Amino acid sequence: MKRFAVALAASVMLTTAACSFAAAQTVRSEAAEHPRLVAAIRELEGAIQYLEAAPHDFGGHKAAAIRDSRAAIVQLRAALAYRARMDRR
């Protein structure tokens, strides 16, 4: 579990570092092509905020739900970035 968290954090850092301004512009245009993915990211971010602010732990599932939601956001952003790279070819 700990290795997954470290790998996920490293993946996020590498993805963020590798993204230049031009690539970010392309990702934004790609996001316009896939509004449901953008909406899913927004909804997941809102769910994370809600869970973090909640006073209860949802039967012990709160931490895992937050972790997995963050991982899903990383994957959705990676999917948009992939499409952007493919479209630049």
C-alpha atoms as a PDB file:
ATOM      1  CA  MET A   1       0.000   0.000   0.000  1.00  0.00           C
ATOM      2  CA  LYS A   2       2.804   2.363   0.927  1.00  0.00           C
ATOM      3  CA  ARG A   3       4.649   1.560  -2.304  1.00  0.00           C
ATOM      4  CA  PHE A   4       1.513   2.409  -4.275  1.00  0.00           C
ATOM      5  CA  ALA A   5       1.274   5.805  -2.564  1.00  0.00           C
ATOM      6  CA  VAL A   6       4.947   6.536  -3.258  1.00  0.00           C
ATOM      7  CA  ALA A   7       4.606   5.438  -6.884  1.00  0.00           C
ATOM      8  CA  LEU A   8       1.469   7.523  -7.267  1.00  0.00           C
ATOM      9  CA  ALA A   9       3.157  10.602  -5.803  1.00  0.00           C
ATOM     10  CA  ALA A  10       6.163  10.105  -8.075  1.00  0.00           C
ATOM     11  CA  SER A  11       3.875   9.698 -11.069  1.00  0.00           C
ATOM     12  CA  VAL A  12       2.039  12.916 -10.234  1.00  0.00           C
ATOM     13  CA  MET A  13       5.318  14.802  -9.819  1.00  0.00           C
ATOM     14  CA  LEU A  14       6.738  13.486 -13.098  1.00  0.00           C
ATOM     15  CA  THR A  15       3.546  14.197 -14.999  1.00  0.00           C
ATOM     16  CA  THR A  16       3.411  17.734 -13.624  1.00  0.00           C
ATOM     17  CA  ALA A  17       7.097  18.410 -14.288  1.00  0.00           C
ATOM     18  CA  ALA A  18       6.927  17.100 -17.848  1.00  0.00           C
ATOM     19  CA  CYS A  19       4.036  19.345 -18.838  1.00  0.00           C
ATOM     20  CA  SER A  20       5.250  22.531 -20.601  1.00  0.00           C
ATOM     21  CA  PHE A  21       3.139  25.588 -21.341  1.00  0.00           C
ATOM     22  CA  ALA A  22       2.530  24.488 -24.941  1.00  0.00           C
ATOM     23  CA  ALA A  23       1.553  21.027 -23.818  1.00  0.00           C
ATOM     24  CA  ALA A  24      -0.773  22.535 -21.227  1.00  0.00           C
ATOM     25  CA  GLN A  25      -2.478  24.526 -23.972  1.00  0.00           C
ATOM     26  CA  THR A  26      -2.910  21.346 -26.005  1.00  0.00           C
ATOM     27  CA  VAL A  27      -4.278  19.508 -22.966  1.00  0.00           C
ATOM     28  CA  ARG A  28      -6.786  22.330 -22.467  1.00  0.00           C
ATOM     29  CA  SER A  29      -7.925  22.029 -26.066  1.00  0.00           C
ATOM     30  CA  GLU A  30      -8.123  18.266 -25.635  1.00  0.00           C
ATOM     31  CA  ALA A  31     -10.218  18.805 -22.511  1.00  0.00           C
ATOM     32  CA  ALA A  32     -12.661  20.784 -24.630  1.00  0.00           C
ATOM     33  CA  GLU A  33     -12.975  17.709 -26.846  1.00  0.00           C
ATOM     34  CA  HIS A  34     -13.738  15.471 -23.853  1.00  0.00           C
ATOM     35  CA  PRO A  35     -15.986  17.462 -21.510  1.00  0.00           C
ATOM     36  CA  ARG A  36     -17.186  14.358 -19.657  1.00  0.00           C
ATOM     37  CA  LEU A  37     -13.631  13.592 -18.529  1.00  0.00           C
ATOM     38  CA  VAL A  38     -13.212  17.170 -17.337  1.00  0.00           C
ATOM     39  CA  ALA A  39     -16.548  16.940 -15.506  1.00  0.00           C
ATOM     40  CA  ALA A  40     -15.456  13.664 -13.887  1.00  0.00           C
ATOM     41  CA  ILE A  41     -12.251  15.295 -12.639  1.00  0.00           C
ATOM     42  CA  ARG A  42     -14.229  18.207 -11.229  1.00  0.00           C
ATOM     43  CA  GLU A  43     -16.714  15.881  -9.516  1.00  0.00           C
ATOM     44  CA  LEU A  44     -13.942  13.756  -8.022  1.00  0.00           C
ATOM     45  CA  GLU A  45     -12.198  16.872  -6.701  1.00  0.00           C
ATOM     46  CA  GLY A  46     -15.485  17.945  -5.106  1.00  0.00           C
ATOM     47  CA  ALA A  47     -15.995  14.505  -3.586  1.00  0.00           C
ATOM     48  CA  ILE A  48     -12.497  14.612  -2.108  1.00  0.00           C
ATOM     49  CA  GLN A  49     -13.197  18.000  -0.532  1.00  0.00           C
ATOM     50  CA  TYR A  50     -16.477  16.716   0.849  1.00  0.00           C
ATOM     51  CA  LEU A  51     -14.871  13.600   2.299  1.00  0.00           C
ATOM     52  CA  GLU A  52     -11.998  15.545   3.838  1.00  0.00           C
ATOM     53  CA  ALA A  53     -14.419  17.919   5.547  1.00  0.00           C
ATOM     54  CA  ALA A  54     -16.764  15.166   6.742  1.00  0.00           C
ATOM     55  CA  PRO A  55     -16.682  14.541  10.495  1.00  0.00           C
ATOM     56  CA  HIS A  56     -17.135  10.778  10.128  1.00  0.00           C
ATOM     57  CA  ASP A  57     -15.063   8.105   8.370  1.00  0.00           C
ATOM     58  CA  PHE A  58     -17.826   6.396   6.363  1.00  0.00           C
ATOM     59  CA  GLY A  59     -17.362   3.060   8.076  1.00  0.00           C
ATOM     60  CA  GLY A  60     -13.610   3.127   7.628  1.00  0.00           C
ATOM     61  CA  HIS A  61     -13.748   3.765   3.881  1.00  0.00           C
ATOM     62  CA  LYS A  62     -12.975   7.482   3.903  1.00  0.00           C
ATOM     63  CA  ALA A  63      -9.179   7.300   3.539  1.00  0.00           C
ATOM     64  CA  ALA A  64      -9.325   4.706   0.766  1.00  0.00           C
ATOM     65  CA  ALA A  65     -12.010   6.673  -1.078  1.00  0.00           C
ATOM     66  CA  ILE A  66      -9.884   9.828  -0.967  1.00  0.00           C
ATOM     67  CA  ARG A  67      -6.762   7.951  -2.063  1.00  0.00           C
ATOM     68  CA  ASP A  68      -8.509   6.162  -4.911  1.00  0.00           C
ATOM     69  CA  SER A  69     -10.276   9.331  -6.065  1.00  0.00           C
ATOM     70  CA  ARG A  70      -6.922  11.112  -6.266  1.00  0.00           C
ATOM     71  CA  ALA A  71      -5.524   8.176  -8.257  1.00  0.00           C
ATOM     72  CA  ALA A  72      -8.508   8.346 -10.615  1.00  0.00           C
ATOM     73  CA  ILE A  73      -7.887  12.069 -11.187  1.00  0.00           C
ATOM     74  CA  VAL A  74      -4.246  11.336 -12.040  1.00  0.00           C
ATOM     75  CA  GLN A  75      -5.337   8.707 -14.560  1.00  0.00           C
ATOM     76  CA  LEU A  76      -7.982  10.949 -16.153  1.00  0.00           C
ATOM     77  CA  ARG A  77      -5.455  13.761 -16.547  1.00  0.00           C
ATOM     78  CA  ALA A  78      -2.961  11.288 -18.007  1.00  0.00           C
ATOM     79  CA  ALA A  79      -5.598  10.156 -20.501  1.00  0.00           C
ATOM     80  CA  LEU A  80      -6.181  13.752 -21.612  1.00  0.00           C
ATOM     81  CA  ALA A  81      -2.430  14.355 -21.863  1.00  0.00           C
ATOM     82  CA  TYR A  82      -2.017  11.184 -23.926  1.00  0.00           C
ATOM     83  CA  ARG A  83      -4.693  12.272 -26.370  1.00  0.00           C
ATOM     84  CA  ALA A  84      -3.048  15.692 -26.596  1.00  0.00           C
ATOM     85  CA  ARG A  85       0.329  14.083 -27.439  1.00  0.00           C
ATOM     86  CA  MET A  86      -1.288  11.866 -30.082  1.00  0.00           C
ATOM     87  CA  ASP A  87      -3.064  14.837 -31.656  1.00  0.00           C
ATOM     88  CA  ARG A  88       0.215  16.779 -31.971  1.00  0.00           C
ATOM     89  CA  ARG A  89       1.739  14.079 -34.177  1.00  0.00           C
END
